[in-house]
Protein backbone atom coordinates (compact mmCIF):
# COMPACT_ATOMS: atom_id res chain seq x y z
CA MET A 1 0.57 21.39 -4.58
CA LYS A 2 -2.33 23.28 -3.59
CA LYS A 3 -4.06 21.63 -0.78
CA LEU A 4 -6.81 19.06 -0.95
CA ALA A 5 -9.79 19.83 0.85
CA THR A 6 -11.14 17.14 2.82
CA THR A 7 -15.03 17.25 3.94
CA PHE A 8 -15.91 14.73 7.14
CA LEU A 9 -19.48 13.22 7.93
CA ALA A 10 -20.81 14.41 10.75
CA ALA A 11 -22.48 11.09 12.36
CA GLY A 12 -21.34 9.44 15.49
CA ILE A 13 -20.16 6.04 15.63
CA MET A 14 -21.76 3.22 17.61
CA ALA A 15 -19.71 1.70 19.70
CA SER A 16 -20.97 -2.08 18.77
CA ALA A 17 -19.44 -1.08 15.16
CA LEU A 18 -16.18 -0.49 17.14
CA ALA A 19 -16.07 -3.90 18.00
CA ALA A 20 -15.30 -4.82 14.42
CA SER A 21 -12.19 -6.74 14.16
CA SER A 22 -11.06 -4.68 10.51
CA VAL A 23 -11.21 -1.40 12.65
CA ILE A 24 -7.91 -0.28 14.13
CA LEU A 25 -8.22 2.08 17.29
CA ALA A 26 -5.62 4.83 17.56
CA VAL A 27 -5.39 5.92 21.11
CA GLU A 28 -4.95 9.40 22.08
CA VAL A 29 -1.87 10.17 24.13
CA ASP A 30 0.34 13.18 25.74
CA ASP A 31 3.39 11.51 24.32
CA ASN A 32 5.75 13.43 21.62
CA LEU A 33 5.47 11.22 18.16
CA ASP A 34 7.98 13.37 16.40
CA LYS A 35 10.81 10.68 16.35
CA VAL A 36 8.68 7.29 17.41
CA ASN A 37 10.17 4.34 16.15
CA TYR A 38 9.38 0.73 17.21
CA LYS A 39 11.56 0.52 20.76
CA SER A 40 9.56 3.80 21.94
CA SER A 41 7.55 3.63 25.07
CA VAL A 42 4.50 4.99 23.23
CA TRP A 43 3.87 1.17 21.84
CA LYS A 44 4.02 -0.22 25.26
CA ASN A 45 0.44 -1.81 26.26
CA LYS A 46 -1.17 -0.60 23.01
CA GLN A 47 -3.55 -2.65 21.69
CA PHE A 48 -2.27 -4.46 18.47
CA SER A 49 -5.08 -5.32 16.05
CA LYS A 50 -4.52 -8.16 13.48
CA ILE A 51 -4.34 -7.10 9.51
CA THR A 52 -4.02 -9.72 6.75
CA LEU A 53 -1.92 -8.54 3.77
CA TYR A 54 -2.40 -10.62 0.41
CA PRO A 55 -0.28 -10.84 -2.41
CA GLN A 56 -0.50 -8.64 -5.66
CA THR A 57 -1.25 -10.59 -8.48
CA THR A 58 -2.78 -7.90 -10.72
CA ILE A 59 -0.15 -7.89 -13.44
CA GLU A 60 2.49 -11.07 -14.22
CA PHE A 61 6.00 -9.51 -13.90
CA ASN A 62 7.89 -10.10 -17.25
CA ASP A 63 10.58 -12.13 -14.49
CA LYS A 64 11.11 -15.76 -14.49
CA LYS A 65 12.72 -15.91 -11.55
CA ALA A 66 10.73 -13.76 -9.57
CA ASN A 67 7.99 -14.90 -10.74
CA GLU A 68 8.49 -18.64 -9.82
CA LEU A 69 9.34 -17.06 -6.02
CA ASN A 70 6.36 -16.04 -6.08
CA ALA A 71 4.27 -18.76 -7.44
CA ASP A 72 2.72 -19.95 -4.05
CA ASN A 73 2.79 -17.22 -2.14
CA LYS A 74 0.12 -16.92 0.78
CA ALA A 75 -1.47 -14.20 2.25
CA ILE A 76 0.73 -12.72 5.18
CA GLU A 77 -0.91 -11.87 8.79
CA ALA A 78 0.45 -8.93 10.43
CA GLU A 79 -0.37 -6.59 13.78
CA VAL A 80 -1.24 -2.95 13.74
CA ALA A 81 -1.63 -0.55 16.37
CA ALA A 82 -1.85 3.26 16.24
CA VAL A 83 -1.85 6.25 18.45
CA TYR A 84 -2.58 10.05 18.01
CA ASN A 85 -1.75 13.49 19.87
CA GLY A 86 -3.12 16.82 18.59
CA SER A 87 -0.47 17.49 15.75
CA LYS A 88 0.41 13.95 15.02
CA ILE A 89 -0.49 10.47 14.13
CA ALA A 90 2.19 7.06 14.63
CA PHE A 91 1.64 3.49 13.27
CA MET A 92 3.22 0.49 14.41
CA ILE A 93 3.15 -2.86 12.29
CA LYS A 94 4.78 -6.12 13.10
CA TRP A 95 5.12 -8.81 10.00
CA PRO A 96 6.69 -12.29 10.12
CA ASP A 97 9.51 -12.81 7.73
CA GLY A 98 12.06 -15.18 7.76
CA THR A 99 15.13 -13.38 6.39
CA LYS A 100 16.61 -10.40 6.56
CA ASN A 101 17.37 -8.55 3.09
CA ILE A 102 18.95 -4.99 3.02
CA GLN A 103 19.10 -2.66 -0.14
CA LYS A 104 22.70 -2.39 -1.66
CA GLY A 105 23.31 0.51 -3.94
CA TYR A 106 26.12 -1.43 -5.55
CA ALA A 107 24.08 -4.29 -6.89
CA THR A 108 20.77 -3.68 -9.31
CA ASP A 109 19.38 -7.46 -8.46
CA VAL A 110 19.29 -7.46 -4.58
CA TYR A 111 16.15 -6.20 -3.15
CA SER A 112 15.54 -5.30 0.54
CA ASP A 113 12.47 -5.55 2.92
CA GLY A 114 10.54 -3.05 3.32
CA PHE A 115 6.73 -1.66 4.45
CA ALA A 116 4.33 1.26 3.31
CA VAL A 117 1.71 3.23 4.68
CA GLN A 118 -1.21 4.32 2.12
CA PHE A 119 -3.69 7.29 2.80
CA ALA A 120 -6.57 8.00 0.34
CA SER A 121 -6.16 12.23 -0.10
CA GLU A 122 -9.93 12.50 -0.03
CA TYR A 123 -11.94 10.20 1.57
CA SER A 124 -15.71 12.20 1.75
CA ASN A 125 -17.10 9.61 -0.81
CA PRO A 126 -16.47 6.49 1.32
CA THR A 127 -17.76 4.42 -2.35
CA LYS A 128 -14.97 6.32 -4.58
CA LEU A 129 -11.69 5.97 -2.76
CA PRO A 130 -8.69 5.44 -4.58
CA TYR A 131 -7.23 2.27 -6.34
CA ILE A 132 -5.08 0.45 -3.67
CA GLY A 133 -1.71 0.28 -3.97
CA MET A 134 -0.57 3.26 -6.21
CA GLY A 135 -3.96 5.91 -5.84
CA SER A 136 -5.84 6.47 -9.34
CA GLU A 137 -6.42 9.54 -11.76
CA GLY A 138 -8.57 12.31 -9.69
CA ARG A 139 -8.21 9.62 -6.81
CA PRO A 140 -4.59 10.91 -5.10
CA VAL A 141 -2.99 9.71 -2.38
CA VAL A 142 0.35 9.78 -0.55
CA ILE A 143 2.83 6.97 0.57
CA HIS A 144 5.09 6.57 2.80
CA LEU A 145 7.82 4.14 1.91
CA GLN A 146 10.61 2.31 3.91
CA LYS A 147 12.91 0.06 3.07
CA GLU A 148 16.06 -1.45 5.03
CA ALA A 149 19.30 -0.05 3.34
CA MET A 150 23.00 0.05 3.86
CA GLY A 151 24.76 3.28 4.35
CA ILE A 152 23.96 5.37 1.42
CA PHE A 153 24.86 8.55 -0.41
CA GLU A 154 22.93 11.06 -0.53
CA PRO A 155 21.34 12.00 1.56
CA ASN A 156 23.93 13.14 4.39
CA GLY A 157 22.59 16.38 3.16
CA GLU A 158 26.02 18.28 3.11
CA GLY A 159 26.63 17.41 -1.24
CA ASP A 160 29.77 16.02 0.17
CA VAL A 161 31.23 14.62 -3.07
CA ALA A 162 33.97 13.49 -2.07
CA HIS A 163 32.85 11.18 0.31
CA GLN A 164 30.50 9.39 -2.33
CA VAL A 165 33.27 8.19 -4.53
CA ASN A 166 34.78 4.48 -4.57
CA PRO A 167 37.34 4.10 -1.80
CA ASN A 168 39.74 2.23 -4.44
CA GLN A 169 39.17 5.59 -6.75
CA THR A 170 41.23 7.53 -4.43
CA ASP A 171 44.94 8.06 -4.00
CA LEU A 172 44.61 7.20 0.18
CA PHE A 173 46.55 4.15 0.85
CA GLY A 174 47.18 2.56 4.73
CA LYS A 175 46.12 4.61 7.98
CA ASP A 176 44.47 7.63 5.30
CA LEU A 177 42.31 5.04 3.87
CA ALA A 178 40.81 4.08 6.68
CA LYS A 179 40.09 6.97 7.94
CA PHE A 180 38.07 7.94 4.82
CA LYS A 181 36.21 4.60 5.37
CA LYS A 182 35.63 5.71 8.88
CA SER A 183 34.14 9.03 7.63
CA VAL A 184 32.28 7.67 5.10
CA LYS A 185 30.49 5.46 7.53
CA LYS A 186 30.25 8.21 10.01
CA LEU A 187 28.60 10.29 7.10
CA ALA A 188 26.36 7.43 4.84
CA SER A 189 22.52 6.95 5.85
CA ASN A 190 20.92 3.85 6.74
CA ASP A 191 17.84 5.26 6.71
CA TYR A 192 15.92 4.76 3.52
CA GLU A 193 12.86 6.85 3.74
CA ARG A 194 10.74 8.12 1.04
CA SER A 195 6.97 10.05 0.69
CA PHE A 196 5.23 10.68 -2.50
CA VAL A 197 1.73 11.27 -4.05
CA SER A 198 0.24 9.29 -6.47
CA GLU A 199 -2.57 9.21 -9.34
CA GLY A 200 -1.52 5.77 -10.66
CA PHE A 201 0.58 3.53 -11.52
CA ARG A 202 4.20 5.74 -13.54
CA SER A 203 2.62 8.64 -11.57
CA MET A 204 4.62 8.30 -7.99
CA THR A 205 6.17 11.92 -7.46
CA GLU A 206 7.99 12.18 -4.19
CA ILE A 207 7.35 15.04 -1.77
CA LYS A 208 10.05 17.39 -2.18
CA ASP A 209 8.91 20.60 -0.83
CA GLY A 210 9.06 20.57 2.65
CA SER A 211 5.68 20.19 3.23
CA ASN A 212 5.92 16.40 4.30
CA ASP A 213 6.18 16.20 7.53
CA SER A 214 6.99 12.29 8.72
CA TYR A 215 9.30 9.97 10.64
CA SER A 216 10.06 6.29 9.96
CA ARG A 217 11.68 3.92 11.18
CA ILE A 218 12.20 -0.22 10.59
CA GLY A 219 13.94 -2.68 12.53
CA TYR A 220 14.64 -6.62 12.33
CA ALA A 221 13.67 -8.71 15.44
CA THR A 222 13.37 -12.44 15.49
CA LYS A 223 11.87 -13.96 12.17
CA GLY A 224 10.00 -10.49 11.34
CA TRP A 225 10.44 -6.84 11.15
CA GLU A 226 8.72 -3.75 13.13
CA GLY A 227 8.43 -0.43 11.00
CA THR A 228 6.51 2.87 12.50
CA LEU A 229 5.66 6.04 10.75
CA SER A 230 5.09 8.94 12.46
CA ARG A 231 3.43 12.33 10.56
CA ALA A 232 1.48 15.11 10.45
CA LEU A 233 -2.17 14.67 11.16
CA LYS A 234 -2.59 17.89 8.72
CA ASP A 235 -0.73 19.15 5.63
CA ASP A 236 -0.86 19.94 2.23
CA TYR A 237 -1.85 16.81 1.01
CA VAL A 238 -3.75 14.97 3.18
CA ASN A 239 -6.32 15.92 6.50
CA LEU A 240 -6.19 12.98 8.69
CA ASP A 241 -8.03 14.86 12.00
CA ALA A 242 -11.24 12.87 11.69
CA GLY A 243 -13.28 10.28 13.44
CA VAL A 244 -12.34 7.78 11.06
CA ILE A 245 -9.71 7.30 8.26
CA PRO A 246 -8.82 4.98 5.61
CA VAL A 247 -5.52 3.47 5.59
CA ALA A 248 -3.59 0.85 3.77
CA PHE A 249 -0.29 -0.93 4.34
CA ALA A 250 1.80 -2.92 2.23
CA VAL A 251 4.77 -5.03 2.86
CA TRP A 252 7.85 -6.17 0.37
CA ASP A 253 10.04 -9.44 0.84
CA GLY A 254 13.33 -8.52 -0.61
CA ALA A 255 14.29 -12.49 -0.71
CA LYS A 256 11.47 -12.97 -2.83
CA MET A 257 12.72 -10.04 -4.97
CA GLY A 258 9.78 -7.85 -4.32
CA ARG A 259 9.44 -4.57 -5.44
CA ASN A 260 6.79 -2.37 -7.35
CA GLY A 261 3.54 -4.43 -7.83
CA LEU A 262 5.45 -7.46 -6.50
CA LYS A 263 4.06 -7.17 -3.20
CA TYR A 264 1.76 -7.96 -0.23
CA LEU A 265 -0.87 -5.36 0.60
CA THR A 266 -4.28 -4.63 2.17
CA PRO A 267 -7.36 -3.12 1.17
CA TRP A 268 -8.40 0.42 2.89
CA LEU A 269 -8.59 -0.14 6.04
CA ALA A 270 -10.97 1.75 9.05
CA VAL A 271 -8.59 3.87 11.42
CA GLU A 272 -11.02 5.01 14.34
CA LEU A 273 -9.47 7.97 16.23
CA ASP A 274 -10.29 7.64 19.98
CA GLY A 275 -12.23 10.85 21.06
CA LYS A 276 -13.06 11.66 17.87
CA SER A 277 -16.60 12.02 16.28
CA SER A 278 -17.99 11.88 12.27
CA GLY A 279 -16.76 8.99 10.05
CA GLU A 280 -20.16 6.19 10.10
CA GLU A 281 -20.31 6.39 6.53
CA LEU A 282 -16.84 5.41 6.17
CA LEU A 283 -16.91 2.88 8.74
CA LYS A 284 -19.65 1.19 7.38
CA ALA A 285 -18.24 1.06 3.74
CA LEU A 286 -14.67 -0.01 5.20
CA THR A 287 -16.55 -2.98 6.79
CA LYS A 288 -19.30 -3.65 4.80
CA GLU A 289 -19.98 -7.04 3.84
CA PRO A 290 -21.11 -8.38 0.32
CA GLU A 291 -25.05 -9.04 0.03
CA GLY A 292 -25.16 -11.50 -2.87
CA ASP A 293 -24.82 -15.62 -3.20
CA ALA A 294 -21.33 -15.96 -3.89
CA ALA A 295 -21.87 -19.72 -5.94
CA LYS A 296 -24.30 -17.70 -8.73
CA GLY A 297 -21.76 -15.47 -8.50
CA LYS A 298 -19.07 -18.01 -9.75
CA GLU A 299 -21.49 -19.23 -12.24
CA ILE A 300 -21.85 -15.53 -13.73
CA ALA A 301 -18.67 -14.47 -13.43
CA ALA A 302 -17.42 -17.90 -15.14
CA ALA A 303 -19.61 -16.92 -18.34
CA ASN A 304 -18.65 -12.75 -18.26
CA CYS A 305 -15.38 -12.56 -16.64
CA THR A 306 -13.10 -15.41 -17.62
CA SER A 307 -12.31 -14.65 -21.38
CA CYS A 308 -10.06 -11.96 -20.17
CA HIS A 309 -9.44 -12.44 -16.63
CA GLN A 310 -7.74 -15.25 -14.75
CA LEU A 311 -10.11 -15.44 -11.66
CA THR A 312 -7.93 -18.35 -9.72
CA SER A 313 -4.50 -19.46 -9.47
CA ASN A 314 -5.84 -22.54 -10.85
CA ASP A 315 -6.64 -20.99 -14.08
CA ALA A 316 -4.68 -20.33 -17.23
CA ALA A 317 -3.06 -17.10 -17.22
CA ASN A 318 -4.91 -14.61 -19.26
CA LEU A 319 -3.03 -11.60 -20.20
CA MET A 320 -6.01 -9.53 -21.76
CA GLY A 321 -7.03 -8.36 -18.33
CA PRO A 322 -5.76 -8.13 -14.70
CA SER A 323 -5.42 -10.83 -12.75
CA LEU A 324 -8.22 -11.05 -10.27
CA THR A 325 -6.96 -13.77 -8.29
CA ASN A 326 -6.49 -11.80 -4.92
CA ILE A 327 -8.72 -9.16 -5.90
CA GLY A 328 -10.48 -9.93 -3.07
CA GLY A 329 -8.29 -9.60 -0.48
CA TYR A 330 -6.95 -5.99 -1.24
CA ALA A 331 -10.44 -4.44 -2.88
CA THR A 332 -13.10 -3.20 -1.13
CA VAL A 333 -16.80 -3.68 -1.78
CA ASP A 334 -17.69 -0.99 -3.74
CA TYR A 335 -14.59 -0.73 -5.74
CA ILE A 336 -15.64 -3.71 -7.11
CA LYS A 337 -19.16 -3.01 -7.82
CA GLU A 338 -18.23 0.29 -9.84
CA SER A 339 -15.34 -1.51 -11.58
CA LEU A 340 -18.16 -3.64 -12.58
CA MET A 341 -20.72 -0.90 -13.72
CA LYS A 342 -18.23 1.78 -14.68
CA PRO A 343 -14.89 0.09 -15.47
CA SER A 344 -13.52 3.67 -16.95
CA ALA A 345 -13.97 4.75 -13.58
CA VAL A 346 -10.33 3.51 -12.40
CA VAL A 347 -7.90 2.73 -15.31
CA VAL A 348 -4.24 1.09 -14.30
CA PRO A 349 -2.56 3.06 -17.09
CA GLY A 350 -0.11 0.22 -16.81
CA TYR A 351 -0.76 -3.51 -18.14
CA ASN A 352 1.41 -6.55 -18.85
CA ARG A 353 4.09 -5.83 -21.63
CA ASN A 354 3.52 -9.87 -22.54
CA ALA A 355 -0.05 -9.02 -23.50
CA HIS A 356 -0.98 -9.17 -27.40
CA SER A 357 -0.75 -5.30 -28.66
CA ASN A 358 -4.35 -5.96 -30.43
CA TYR A 359 -5.94 -6.56 -26.44
CA ALA A 360 -5.08 -3.58 -24.99
CA TRP A 361 -6.60 -2.86 -21.48
CA TYR A 362 -7.39 0.65 -22.30
CA ASN A 363 -7.58 2.99 -24.97
CA LEU A 364 -6.88 6.67 -25.23
CA GLU A 365 -9.89 9.39 -26.12
CA ASN A 366 -9.12 12.78 -26.19
CA GLY A 367 -6.49 11.85 -24.10
CA LYS A 368 -8.35 9.79 -21.32
CA ARG A 369 -8.12 6.37 -20.44
CA VAL A 370 -11.27 4.70 -21.08
CA SER A 371 -11.12 0.82 -20.03
CA THR A 372 -11.81 -1.65 -22.89
CA MET A 373 -13.78 -3.75 -20.48
CA PRO A 374 -17.34 -3.67 -21.21
CA ASP A 375 -19.85 -2.29 -19.07
CA PHE A 376 -22.11 -4.33 -16.97
CA SER A 377 -24.51 -1.94 -15.52
CA TRP A 378 -26.88 -4.13 -17.73
CA MET A 379 -27.01 -6.79 -15.00
CA GLU A 380 -29.53 -7.09 -12.81
CA SER A 381 -28.44 -5.43 -9.55
CA GLY A 382 -28.70 -8.76 -7.77
CA ASP A 383 -26.48 -10.75 -10.40
CA ILE A 384 -23.94 -7.69 -9.97
CA ASP A 385 -24.09 -8.19 -6.25
CA ASN A 386 -23.58 -12.05 -6.81
CA VAL A 387 -20.53 -11.21 -8.67
CA VAL A 388 -19.18 -9.27 -6.17
CA ALA A 389 -19.75 -11.43 -3.32
CA TYR A 390 -17.68 -14.02 -6.06
CA LEU A 391 -15.18 -11.94 -6.01
CA LYS A 392 -14.60 -11.13 -2.61
CA THR A 393 -13.62 -14.70 -1.74
CA LEU A 394 -10.59 -14.83 -4.44
CA LYS A 395 -7.84 -14.36 -2.38
CA ALA A 396 -5.01 -16.48 -0.69
CA GLU A 397 -5.02 -17.93 2.49
CA VAL A 398 -2.73 -16.74 5.20
CA GLU A 399 0.38 -18.54 5.41
């Protein structure tokens, strides 16, 4: 894939803005960040910022048990720190989880705990960032995924087929079988680390062209996880060498059958690289509060949105459109406003399979997805702001 060009705004950042709790400060260090993990000394005495991850509720799963396990999900409060040097940037995230769940290659109904860090490939226009979670058409993202896994094959990197077979399918017994199992354990990798580029649901493509320079690890501490990612500041897919960059985090709870669209996630968060300039407009966009009247917006939403969308968990599920029950937690003000005024700007390509076939979320016109949601740009700007203000209130409380 060709390098995605990125331009940056050249204005300085005011010190008062840096005090905002929604800003994560990346501290410049001299340490080597190639193989950073959660035990590395680079994290000692570093400032951790509190972030909130909200349950993803856009699409109701076609899985009764998973839906029951996640019916009353609350938001999760986590902590994040960031550092960078001349070539790499690294993040550490700590989040609570009372159970340790490991991915197992021999079971299809066992799910693991894990985390992901997401970067926008293009962010020169802060009002048009990608759809959170999987990116969107024309607005790609890079996603680094790390899961807790048992020893798996491949990737021992040697194409060692003999060690991938079930021990019971060998002709080995006694000491020879014990020796074989020991060699399998030695060769197996417990590191489930993947990197993807994505432009929407069902478009995730693993990066295997050798251009991805990243390293991530995960470890279970007392009642919670610690995960780290280090990656190049610049590569063929993203350029993070700027004053402010947008970053999003996600975590999975294997005990609740978390996978794919069943996770906890943040909105785009502002990460300020200490000592670098540029990015004032991006910082403003990511820390912007809604300007409207949420009470008035609730009335407008009740009259215009409830026929297709579920707005709160107390409302009956409505499969004619995505659920908005947590939209205020993981969507920015600009994203919500764009969705109201230009609903076809970002169209999620997959929709709930339980929805009636006559109520598709979009139509294909000349190969392009066109939302079936009506355009609300006819509304007075004040009313749009009111609806945005109300939708920003739709988010779960912290557990």
